[in-house]
């Protein structure tokens, strides 16, 4: 799991800071979706770090039907849905404006 975090962590961080810079430049719904989705991916990375480091054990990291499991799962679903949706919708809107 540590090798995965070493790859996914910086990638999620790049998505987050890149989308934050884009939201600061121009506030649109699509850029906000990208930003919120990337923030959810950061939450996924942080939950895995907390699980690996043994932090906040009361969350029940890695156990089925625990708060930590649902936080991780819901954040992953939102992140993997909203981030690409924001990118796709922004591209469609940009292409529509060029026509």
PDB file of N, CA and C in Angstrom:
ATOM      1  N   UNK A   1       0.829  -1.196   0.000  1.00  0.00           N
ATOM      2  CA  UNK A   1       0.000   0.000   0.000  1.00  0.00           C
ATOM      3  C   UNK A   1       0.871   1.255   0.000  1.00  0.00           C
ATOM      4  N   UNK A   2       2.049   1.216   0.586  1.00  0.00           N
ATOM      5  CA  UNK A   2       2.897   2.402   0.640  1.00  0.00           C
ATOM      6  C   UNK A   2       3.359   2.838  -0.739  1.00  0.00           C
ATOM      7  N   UNK A   3       3.651   1.888  -1.626  1.00  0.00           N
ATOM      8  CA  UNK A   3       4.050   2.240  -2.990  1.00  0.00           C
ATOM      9  C   UNK A   3       2.897   2.900  -3.734  1.00  0.00           C
ATOM     10  N   UNK A   4       1.700   2.416  -3.500  1.00  0.00           N
ATOM     11  CA  UNK A   4       0.521   3.022  -4.130  1.00  0.00           C
ATOM     12  C   UNK A   4       0.333   4.450  -3.650  1.00  0.00           C
ATOM     13  N   UNK A   5       0.479   4.668  -2.347  1.00  0.00           N
ATOM     14  CA  UNK A   5       0.344   6.023  -1.808  1.00  0.00           C
ATOM     15  C   UNK A   5       1.439   6.942  -2.331  1.00  0.00           C
ATOM     16  N   UNK A   6       2.620   6.397  -2.564  1.00  0.00           N
ATOM     17  CA  UNK A   6       3.719   7.209  -3.081  1.00  0.00           C
ATOM     18  C   UNK A   6       3.429   7.699  -4.493  1.00  0.00           C
ATOM     19  N   UNK A   7       2.635   6.964  -5.236  1.00  0.00           N
ATOM     20  CA  UNK A   7       2.281   7.374  -6.596  1.00  0.00           C
ATOM     21  C   UNK A   7       0.996   8.193  -6.599  1.00  0.00           C
ATOM     22  N   UNK A   8      -0.016   7.700  -5.906  1.00  0.00           N
ATOM     23  CA  UNK A   8      -1.338   8.338  -5.946  1.00  0.00           C
ATOM     24  C   UNK A   8      -1.360   9.639  -5.147  1.00  0.00           C
ATOM     25  N   UNK A   9      -0.621   9.702  -4.057  1.00  0.00           N
ATOM     26  CA  UNK A   9      -0.617  10.906  -3.219  1.00  0.00           C
ATOM     27  C   UNK A   9      -0.189  12.159  -3.975  1.00  0.00           C
ATOM     28  N   UNK A  10       1.007  12.146  -4.589  1.00  0.00           N
ATOM     29  CA  UNK A  10       1.415  13.329  -5.355  1.00  0.00           C
ATOM     30  C   UNK A  10       0.505  13.628  -6.546  1.00  0.00           C
ATOM     31  N   UNK A  11      -0.037  12.582  -7.159  1.00  0.00           N
ATOM     32  CA  UNK A  11      -0.947  12.783  -8.278  1.00  0.00           C
ATOM     33  C   UNK A  11      -2.222  13.489  -7.817  1.00  0.00           C
ATOM     34  N   UNK A  12      -2.783  13.034  -6.705  1.00  0.00           N
ATOM     35  CA  UNK A  12      -3.979  13.685  -6.152  1.00  0.00           C
ATOM     36  C   UNK A  12      -3.660  15.117  -5.727  1.00  0.00           C
ATOM     37  N   UNK A  13      -2.471  15.324  -5.180  1.00  0.00           N
ATOM     38  CA  UNK A  13      -2.051  16.679  -4.803  1.00  0.00           C
ATOM     39  C   UNK A  13      -1.936  17.590  -6.013  1.00  0.00           C
ATOM     40  N   UNK A  14      -1.388  17.067  -7.107  1.00  0.00           N
ATOM     41  CA  UNK A  14      -1.282  17.862  -8.335  1.00  0.00           C
ATOM     42  C   UNK A  14      -2.661  18.209  -8.880  1.00  0.00           C
ATOM     43  N   UNK A  15      -3.565  17.229  -8.862  1.00  0.00           N
ATOM     44  CA  UNK A  15      -4.946  17.502  -9.294  1.00  0.00           C
ATOM     45  C   UNK A  15      -5.568  18.593  -8.431  1.00  0.00           C
ATOM     46  N   UNK A  16      -5.367  18.490  -7.111  1.00  0.00           N
ATOM     47  CA  UNK A  16      -5.983  19.432  -6.181  1.00  0.00           C
ATOM     48  C   UNK A  16      -5.452  20.849  -6.397  1.00  0.00           C
ATOM     49  N   UNK A  17      -4.123  21.005  -6.411  1.00  0.00           N
ATOM     50  CA  UNK A  17      -3.563  22.349  -6.550  1.00  0.00           C
ATOM     51  C   UNK A  17      -3.794  22.919  -7.946  1.00  0.00           C
ATOM     52  N   UNK A  18      -3.789  22.061  -8.957  1.00  0.00           N
ATOM     53  CA  UNK A  18      -4.102  22.532 -10.309  1.00  0.00           C
ATOM     54  C   UNK A  18      -5.532  23.010 -10.439  1.00  0.00           C
ATOM     55  N   UNK A  19      -6.454  22.249  -9.862  1.00  0.00           N
ATOM     56  CA  UNK A  19      -7.857  22.658  -9.941  1.00  0.00           C
ATOM     57  C   UNK A  19      -8.129  23.868  -9.051  1.00  0.00           C
ATOM     58  N   UNK A  20      -7.405  23.987  -7.937  1.00  0.00           N
ATOM     59  CA  UNK A  20      -7.566  25.178  -7.081  1.00  0.00           C
ATOM     60  C   UNK A  20      -7.109  26.431  -7.822  1.00  0.00           C
ATOM     61  N   UNK A  21      -6.008  26.316  -8.556  1.00  0.00           N
ATOM     62  CA  UNK A  21      -5.521  27.463  -9.330  1.00  0.00           C
ATOM     63  C   UNK A  21      -6.505  27.831 -10.433  1.00  0.00           C
ATOM     64  N   UNK A  22      -7.107  26.825 -11.054  1.00  0.00           N
ATOM     65  CA  UNK A  22      -8.072  27.098 -12.123  1.00  0.00           C
ATOM     66  C   UNK A  22      -9.349  27.729 -11.569  1.00  0.00           C
ATOM     67  N   UNK A  23      -9.789  27.297 -10.375  1.00  0.00           N
ATOM     68  CA  UNK A  23     -10.984  27.886  -9.763  1.00  0.00           C
ATOM     69  C   UNK A  23     -10.703  29.334  -9.376  1.00  0.00           C
ATOM     70  N   UNK A  24      -9.483  29.591  -8.883  1.00  0.00           N
ATOM     71  CA  UNK A  24      -9.132  30.961  -8.506  1.00  0.00           C
ATOM     72  C   UNK A  24      -9.087  31.885  -9.725  1.00  0.00           C
ATOM     73  N   UNK A  25      -8.711  31.326 -10.871  1.00  0.00           N
ATOM     74  CA  UNK A  25      -8.626  32.109 -12.105  1.00  0.00           C
ATOM     75  C   UNK A  25     -10.001  32.441 -12.661  1.00  0.00           C
ATOM     76  N   UNK A  26     -10.866  31.458 -12.702  1.00  0.00           N
ATOM     77  CA  UNK A  26     -12.200  31.647 -13.264  1.00  0.00           C
ATOM     78  C   UNK A  26     -13.164  30.706 -12.557  1.00  0.00           C
ATOM     79  N   UNK A  27     -14.162  31.242 -11.923  1.00  0.00           N
ATOM     80  CA  UNK A  27     -15.108  30.433 -11.163  1.00  0.00           C
ATOM     81  C   UNK A  27     -16.287  30.026 -12.035  1.00  0.00           C
ATOM     82  N   UNK A  28     -16.270  28.748 -12.386  1.00  0.00           N
ATOM     83  CA  UNK A  28     -17.396  28.174 -13.110  1.00  0.00           C
ATOM     84  C   UNK A  28     -17.834  26.921 -12.354  1.00  0.00           C
ATOM     85  N   UNK A  29     -19.015  26.460 -12.656  1.00  0.00           N
ATOM     86  CA  UNK A  29     -19.533  25.253 -12.016  1.00  0.00           C
ATOM     87  C   UNK A  29     -18.634  24.070 -12.327  1.00  0.00           C
ATOM     88  N   UNK A  30     -18.152  23.984 -13.572  1.00  0.00           N
ATOM     89  CA  UNK A  30     -17.356  22.837 -13.985  1.00  0.00           C
ATOM     90  C   UNK A  30     -16.009  22.821 -13.289  1.00  0.00           C
ATOM     91  N   UNK A  31     -15.408  23.967 -13.118  1.00  0.00           N
ATOM     92  CA  UNK A  31     -14.137  24.019 -12.400  1.00  0.00           C
ATOM     93  C   UNK A  31     -14.332  23.729 -10.915  1.00  0.00           C
ATOM     94  N   UNK A  32     -15.470  24.143 -10.370  1.00  0.00           N
ATOM     95  CA  UNK A  32     -15.741  23.812  -8.980  1.00  0.00           C
ATOM     96  C   UNK A  32     -15.929  22.307  -8.807  1.00  0.00           C
ATOM     97  N   UNK A  33     -16.587  21.652  -9.771  1.00  0.00           N
ATOM     98  CA  UNK A  33     -16.731  20.192  -9.714  1.00  0.00           C
ATOM     99  C   UNK A  33     -15.363  19.506  -9.744  1.00  0.00           C
ATOM    100  N   UNK A  34     -14.469  20.012 -10.581  1.00  0.00           N
ATOM    101  CA  UNK A  34     -13.119  19.464 -10.621  1.00  0.00           C
ATOM    102  C   UNK A  34     -12.429  19.645  -9.273  1.00  0.00           C
ATOM    103  N   UNK A  35     -12.556  20.825  -8.695  1.00  0.00           N
ATOM    104  CA  UNK A  35     -11.929  21.122  -7.411  1.00  0.00           C
ATOM    105  C   UNK A  35     -12.496  20.244  -6.301  1.00  0.00           C
ATOM    106  N   UNK A  36     -13.805  20.122  -6.244  1.00  0.00           N
ATOM    107  CA  UNK A  36     -14.432  19.303  -5.208  1.00  0.00           C
ATOM    108  C   UNK A  36     -14.060  17.830  -5.382  1.00  0.00           C
ATOM    109  N   UNK A  37     -14.037  17.359  -6.616  1.00  0.00           N
ATOM    110  CA  UNK A  37     -13.636  15.979  -6.882  1.00  0.00           C
ATOM    111  C   UNK A  37     -12.198  15.716  -6.482  1.00  0.00           C
ATOM    112  N   UNK A  38     -11.314  16.660  -6.764  1.00  0.00           N
ATOM    113  CA  UNK A  38      -9.915  16.477  -6.371  1.00  0.00           C
ATOM    114  C   UNK A  38      -9.757  16.552  -4.857  1.00  0.00           C
ATOM    115  N   UNK A  39     -10.569  17.358  -4.188  1.00  0.00           N
ATOM    116  CA  UNK A  39     -10.536  17.398  -2.718  1.00  0.00           C
ATOM    117  C   UNK A  39     -10.982  16.055  -2.140  1.00  0.00           C
ATOM    118  N   UNK A  40     -11.951  15.429  -2.765  1.00  0.00           N
ATOM    119  CA  UNK A  40     -12.386  14.094  -2.322  1.00  0.00           C
ATOM    120  C   UNK A  40     -11.267  13.078  -2.506  1.00  0.00           C
ATOM    121  N   UNK A  41     -10.502  13.201  -3.582  1.00  0.00           N
ATOM    122  CA  UNK A  41      -9.376  12.289  -3.788  1.00  0.00           C
ATOM    123  C   UNK A  41      -8.292  12.512  -2.727  1.00  0.00           C
ATOM    124  N   UNK A  42      -8.112  13.750  -2.292  1.00  0.00           N
ATOM    125  CA  UNK A  42      -7.173  14.033  -1.201  1.00  0.00           C
ATOM    126  C   UNK A  42      -7.656  13.364   0.084  1.00  0.00           C
ATOM    127  N   UNK A  43      -8.955  13.383   0.331  1.00  0.00           N
ATOM    128  CA  UNK A  43      -9.512  12.711   1.519  1.00  0.00           C
ATOM    129  C   UNK A  43      -9.228  11.212   1.453  1.00  0.00           C
ATOM    130  N   UNK A  44      -9.339  10.619   0.269  1.00  0.00           N
ATOM    131  CA  UNK A  44      -9.035   9.192   0.120  1.00  0.00           C
ATOM    132  C   UNK A  44      -7.578   8.923   0.483  1.00  0.00           C
ATOM    133  N   UNK A  45      -6.673   9.742  -0.016  1.00  0.00           N
ATOM    134  CA  UNK A  45      -5.254   9.568   0.293  1.00  0.00           C
ATOM    135  C   UNK A  45      -5.014   9.734   1.796  1.00  0.00           C
ATOM    136  N   UNK A  46      -5.637  10.727   2.398  1.00  0.00           N
ATOM    137  CA  UNK A  46      -5.445  10.952   3.834  1.00  0.00           C
ATOM    138  C   UNK A  46      -6.023   9.820   4.678  1.00  0.00           C
ATOM    139  N   UNK A  47      -7.139   9.230   4.246  1.00  0.00           N
ATOM    140  CA  UNK A  47      -7.679   8.102   5.010  1.00  0.00           C
ATOM    141  C   UNK A  47      -6.746   6.898   4.925  1.00  0.00           C
ATOM    142  N   UNK A  48      -6.115   6.700   3.793  1.00  0.00           N
ATOM    143  CA  UNK A  48      -5.177   5.583   3.670  1.00  0.00           C
ATOM    144  C   UNK A  48      -3.906   5.836   4.470  1.00  0.00           C
ATOM    145  N   UNK A  49      -3.478   7.083   4.538  1.00  0.00           N
ATOM    146  CA  UNK A  49      -2.327   7.422   5.379  1.00  0.00           C
ATOM    147  C   UNK A  49      -2.673   7.194   6.839  1.00  0.00           C
ATOM    148  N   UNK A  50      -3.860   7.601   7.245  1.00  0.00           N
ATOM    149  CA  UNK A  50      -4.284   7.400   8.636  1.00  0.00           C
ATOM    150  C   UNK A  50      -4.391   5.914   8.961  1.00  0.00           C
ATOM    151  N   UNK A  51      -4.862   5.126   8.011  1.00  0.00           N
ATOM    152  CA  UNK A  51      -4.965   3.677   8.217  1.00  0.00           C
ATOM    153  C   UNK A  51      -3.584   3.050   8.364  1.00  0.00           C
ATOM    154  N   UNK A  52      -2.659   3.445   7.490  1.00  0.00           N
ATOM    155  CA  UNK A  52      -1.307   2.900   7.524  1.00  0.00           C
ATOM    156  C   UNK A  52      -0.571   3.302   8.797  1.00  0.00           C
ATOM    157  N   UNK A  53      -0.738   4.554   9.219  1.00  0.00           N
ATOM    158  CA  UNK A  53      -0.035   5.067  10.393  1.00  0.00           C
ATOM    159  C   UNK A  53      -0.721   4.710  11.706  1.00  0.00           C
ATOM    160  N   UNK A  54      -1.921   4.169  11.638  1.00  0.00           N
ATOM    161  CA  UNK A  54      -2.644   3.820  12.861  1.00  0.00           C
ATOM    162  C   UNK A  54      -3.214   5.024  13.589  1.00  0.00           C
ATOM    163  N   UNK A  55      -3.527   6.084  12.838  1.00  0.00           N
ATOM    164  CA  UNK A  55      -4.108   7.292  13.428  1.00  0.00           C
ATOM    165  C   UNK A  55      -5.625   7.161  13.500  1.00  0.00           C
ATOM    166  N   UNK A  56      -6.228   7.742  14.492  1.00  0.00           N
ATOM    167  CA  UNK A  56      -7.680   7.746  14.658  1.00  0.00           C
ATOM    168  C   UNK A  56      -8.259   6.334  14.534  1.00  0.00           C
ATOM    169  N   UNK A  57      -7.773   5.436  15.333  1.00  0.00           N
ATOM    170  CA  UNK A  57      -8.212   4.046  15.245  1.00  0.00           C
ATOM    171  C   UNK A  57      -9.699   3.880  15.542  1.00  0.00           C
ATOM    172  N   UNK A  58     -10.296   4.855  16.220  1.00  0.00           N
ATOM    173  CA  UNK A  58     -11.729   4.766  16.512  1.00  0.00           C
ATOM    174  C   UNK A  58     -12.578   4.846  15.238  1.00  0.00           C
ATOM    175  N   UNK A  59     -11.987   5.309  14.129  1.00  0.00           N
ATOM    176  CA  UNK A  59     -12.721   5.362  12.857  1.00  0.00           C
ATOM    177  C   UNK A  59     -12.887   3.969  12.262  1.00  0.00           C
ATOM    178  N   UNK A  60     -12.116   3.000  12.720  1.00  0.00           N
ATOM    179  CA  UNK A  60     -12.246   1.632  12.226  1.00  0.00           C
ATOM    180  C   UNK A  60     -11.739   1.464  10.814  1.00  0.00           C
ATOM    181  N   UNK A  61     -10.564   2.038  10.515  1.00  0.00           N
ATOM    182  CA  UNK A  61     -10.002   1.965   9.168  1.00  0.00           C
ATOM    183  C   UNK A  61      -9.885   0.518   8.722  1.00  0.00           C
ATOM    184  N   UNK A  62     -10.335   0.211   7.536  1.00  0.00           N
ATOM    185  CA  UNK A  62     -10.201  -1.111   6.952  1.00  0.00           C
ATOM    186  C   UNK A  62     -11.241  -2.119   7.414  1.00  0.00           C
ATOM    187  N   UNK A  63     -12.071  -1.759   8.351  1.00  0.00           N
ATOM    188  CA  UNK A  63     -13.102  -2.674   8.822  1.00  0.00           C
ATOM    189  C   UNK A  63     -14.403  -2.421   8.061  1.00  0.00           C
ATOM    190  N   UNK A  64     -15.104  -3.484   7.679  1.00  0.00           N
ATOM    191  CA  UNK A  64     -16.383  -3.281   6.990  1.00  0.00           C
ATOM    192  C   UNK A  64     -17.408  -2.643   7.931  1.00  0.00           C
ATOM    193  N   UNK A  65     -18.276  -1.839   7.373  1.00  0.00           N
ATOM    194  CA  UNK A  65     -19.353  -1.166   8.112  1.00  0.00           C
ATOM    195  C   UNK A  65     -18.838  -0.242   9.205  1.00  0.00           C
ATOM    196  N   UNK A  66     -17.680   0.393   8.980  1.00  0.00           N
ATOM    197  CA  UNK A  66     -17.154   1.358   9.939  1.00  0.00           C
ATOM    198  C   UNK A  66     -17.191   2.755   9.318  1.00  0.00           C
ATOM    199  N   UNK A  67     -17.073   3.758  10.160  1.00  0.00           N
ATOM    200  CA  UNK A  67     -17.098   5.136   9.666  1.00  0.00           C
ATOM    201  C   UNK A  67     -15.938   5.402   8.713  1.00  0.00           C
ATOM    202  N   UNK A  68     -14.771   4.871   9.022  1.00  0.00           N
ATOM    203  CA  UNK A  68     -13.607   5.057   8.155  1.00  0.00           C
ATOM    204  C   UNK A  68     -13.795   4.432   6.786  1.00  0.00           C
ATOM    205  N   UNK A  69     -14.403   3.271   6.764  1.00  0.00           N
ATOM    206  CA  UNK A  69     -14.665   2.593   5.488  1.00  0.00           C
ATOM    207  C   UNK A  69     -15.601   3.429   4.621  1.00  0.00           C
ATOM    208  N   UNK A  70     -16.670   3.934   5.207  1.00  0.00           N
ATOM    209  CA  UNK A  70     -17.633   4.708   4.430  1.00  0.00           C
ATOM    210  C   UNK A  70     -17.082   6.065   4.019  1.00  0.00           C
ATOM    211  N   UNK A  71     -16.265   6.691   4.866  1.00  0.00           N
ATOM    212  CA  UNK A  71     -15.620   7.954   4.494  1.00  0.00           C
ATOM    213  C   UNK A  71     -14.722   7.735   3.279  1.00  0.00           C
ATOM    214  N   UNK A  72     -13.935   6.687   3.313  1.00  0.00           N
ATOM    215  CA  UNK A  72     -13.038   6.367   2.213  1.00  0.00           C
ATOM    216  C   UNK A  72     -13.830   6.034   0.948  1.00  0.00           C
ATOM    217  N   UNK A  73     -14.828   5.199   1.078  1.00  0.00           N
ATOM    218  CA  UNK A  73     -15.615   4.739  -0.072  1.00  0.00           C
ATOM    219  C   UNK A  73     -16.370   5.888  -0.734  1.00  0.00           C
ATOM    220  N   UNK A  74     -17.064   6.680   0.053  1.00  0.00           N
ATOM    221  CA  UNK A  74     -17.861   7.780  -0.507  1.00  0.00           C
ATOM    222  C   UNK A  74     -16.955   8.837  -1.128  1.00  0.00           C
ATOM    223  N   UNK A  75     -15.819   9.124  -0.485  1.00  0.00           N
ATOM    224  CA  UNK A  75     -14.879  10.094  -1.053  1.00  0.00           C
ATOM    225  C   UNK A  75     -14.319   9.595  -2.377  1.00  0.00           C
ATOM    226  N   UNK A  76     -14.011   8.303  -2.456  1.00  0.00           N
ATOM    227  CA  UNK A  76     -13.486   7.743  -3.708  1.00  0.00           C
ATOM    228  C   UNK A  76     -14.532   7.823  -4.822  1.00  0.00           C
ATOM    229  N   UNK A  77     -15.764   7.476  -4.508  1.00  0.00           N
ATOM    230  CA  UNK A  77     -16.829   7.533  -5.520  1.00  0.00           C
ATOM    231  C   UNK A  77     -17.037   8.969  -6.006  1.00  0.00           C
ATOM    232  N   UNK A  78     -17.124   9.910  -5.075  1.00  0.00           N
ATOM    233  CA  UNK A  78     -17.320  11.310  -5.466  1.00  0.00           C
ATOM    234  C   UNK A  78     -16.135  11.838  -6.266  1.00  0.00           C
ATOM    235  N   UNK A  79     -14.932  11.530  -5.810  1.00  0.00           N
ATOM    236  CA  UNK A  79     -13.740  12.017  -6.503  1.00  0.00           C
ATOM    237  C   UNK A  79     -13.616  11.465  -7.906  1.00  0.00           C
ATOM    238  N   UNK A  80     -13.848  10.165  -8.045  1.00  0.00           N
ATOM    239  CA  UNK A  80     -13.712   9.535  -9.355  1.00  0.00           C
ATOM    240  C   UNK A  80     -14.889   9.829 -10.284  1.00  0.00           C
ATOM    241  N   UNK A  81     -15.928  10.439  -9.759  1.00  0.00           N
ATOM    242  CA  UNK A  81     -17.064  10.838 -10.593  1.00  0.00           C
ATOM    243  C   UNK A  81     -16.998  12.324 -10.941  1.00  0.00           C
ATOM    244  N   UNK A  82     -16.826  13.169  -9.926  1.00  0.00           N
ATOM    245  CA  UNK A  82     -16.919  14.609 -10.137  1.00  0.00           C
ATOM    246  C   UNK A  82     -15.715  15.198 -10.868  1.00  0.00           C
ATOM    247  N   UNK A  83     -14.513  14.710 -10.573  1.00  0.00           N
ATOM    248  CA  UNK A  83     -13.332  15.276 -11.230  1.00  0.00           C
ATOM    249  C   UNK A  83     -13.379  15.084 -12.749  1.00  0.00           C
ATOM    250  N   UNK A  84     -13.556  13.839 -13.247  1.00  0.00           N
ATOM    251  CA  UNK A  84     -13.651  13.694 -14.710  1.00  0.00           C
ATOM    252  C   UNK A  84     -14.888  14.362 -15.311  1.00  0.00           C
ATOM    253  N   UNK A  85     -15.998  14.378 -14.572  1.00  0.00           N
ATOM    254  CA  UNK A  85     -17.198  15.043 -15.068  1.00  0.00           C
ATOM    255  C   UNK A  85     -16.938  16.534 -15.273  1.00  0.00           C
ATOM    256  N   UNK A  86     -16.258  17.160 -14.339  1.00  0.00           N
ATOM    257  CA  UNK A  86     -15.924  18.573 -14.473  1.00  0.00           C
ATOM    258  C   UNK A  86     -15.026  18.842 -15.660  1.00  0.00           C
ATOM    259  N   UNK A  87     -14.033  17.978 -15.867  1.00  0.00           N
ATOM    260  CA  UNK A  87     -13.132  18.142 -17.012  1.00  0.00           C
ATOM    261  C   UNK A  87     -13.897  17.992 -18.322  1.00  0.00           C
ATOM    262  N   UNK A  88     -14.705  16.950 -18.408  1.00  0.00           N
ATOM    263  CA  UNK A  88     -15.467  16.691 -19.627  1.00  0.00           C
ATOM    264  C   UNK A  88     -16.453  17.820 -19.916  1.00  0.00           C
ATOM    265  N   UNK A  89     -17.205  18.240 -18.901  1.00  0.00           N
ATOM    266  CA  UNK A  89     -18.214  19.282 -19.103  1.00  0.00           C
ATOM    267  C   UNK A  89     -17.568  20.621 -19.470  1.00  0.00           C
ATOM    268  N   UNK A  90     -16.415  20.907 -18.889  1.00  0.00           N
ATOM    269  CA  UNK A  90     -15.727  22.152 -19.247  1.00  0.00           C
ATOM    270  C   UNK A  90     -15.254  22.109 -20.696  1.00  0.00           C
ATOM    271  N   UNK A  91     -14.764  20.963 -21.138  1.00  0.00           N
ATOM    272  CA  UNK A  91     -14.325  20.826 -22.525  1.00  0.00           C
ATOM    273  C   UNK A  91     -15.490  20.984 -23.490  1.00  0.00           C
ATOM    274  N   UNK A  92     -16.634  20.413 -23.138  1.00  0.00           N
ATOM    275  CA  UNK A  92     -17.819  20.549 -23.982  1.00  0.00           C
ATOM    276  C   UNK A  92     -18.280  22.003 -24.013  1.00  0.00           C
ATOM    277  N   UNK A  93     -18.289  22.660 -22.864  1.00  0.00           N
ATOM    278  CA  UNK A  93     -18.709  24.066 -22.819  1.00  0.00           C
ATOM    279  C   UNK A  93     -17.760  24.960 -23.598  1.00  0.00           C
ATOM    280  N   UNK A  94     -16.454  24.669 -23.512  1.00  0.00           N
ATOM    281  CA  UNK A  94     -15.461  25.472 -24.248  1.00  0.00           C
ATOM    282  C   UNK A  94     -15.642  25.273 -25.751  1.00  0.00           C
ATOM    283  N   UNK A  95     -15.888  24.033 -26.150  1.00  0.00           N
ATOM    284  CA  UNK A  95     -16.078  23.760 -27.582  1.00  0.00           C
ATOM    285  C   UNK A  95     -17.372  24.415 -28.085  1.00  0.00           C
ATOM    286  N   UNK A  96     -18.389  24.407 -27.243  1.00  0.00           N
ATOM    287  CA  UNK A  96     -19.668  25.029 -27.615  1.00  0.00           C
ATOM    288  C   UNK A  96     -19.498  26.532 -27.791  1.00  0.00           C
ATOM    289  N   UNK A  97     -18.667  27.156 -26.936  1.00  0.00           N
ATOM    290  CA  UNK A  97     -18.443  28.597 -27.033  1.00  0.00           C
ATOM    291  C   UNK A  97     -17.599  28.976 -28.248  1.00  0.00           C
ATOM    292  N   UNK A  98     -16.764  28.061 -28.695  1.00  0.00           N
ATOM    293  CA  UNK A  98     -15.932  28.340 -29.885  1.00  0.00           C
ATOM    294  C   UNK A  98     -16.731  28.274 -31.175  1.00  0.00           C
ATOM    295  N   UNK A  99     -17.828  27.551 -31.163  1.00  0.00           N
ATOM    296  CA  UNK A  99     -18.632  27.375 -32.388  1.00  0.00           C
ATOM    297  C   UNK A  99     -19.481  28.562 -32.682  1.00  0.00           C
TER     298      UNK A  99
END
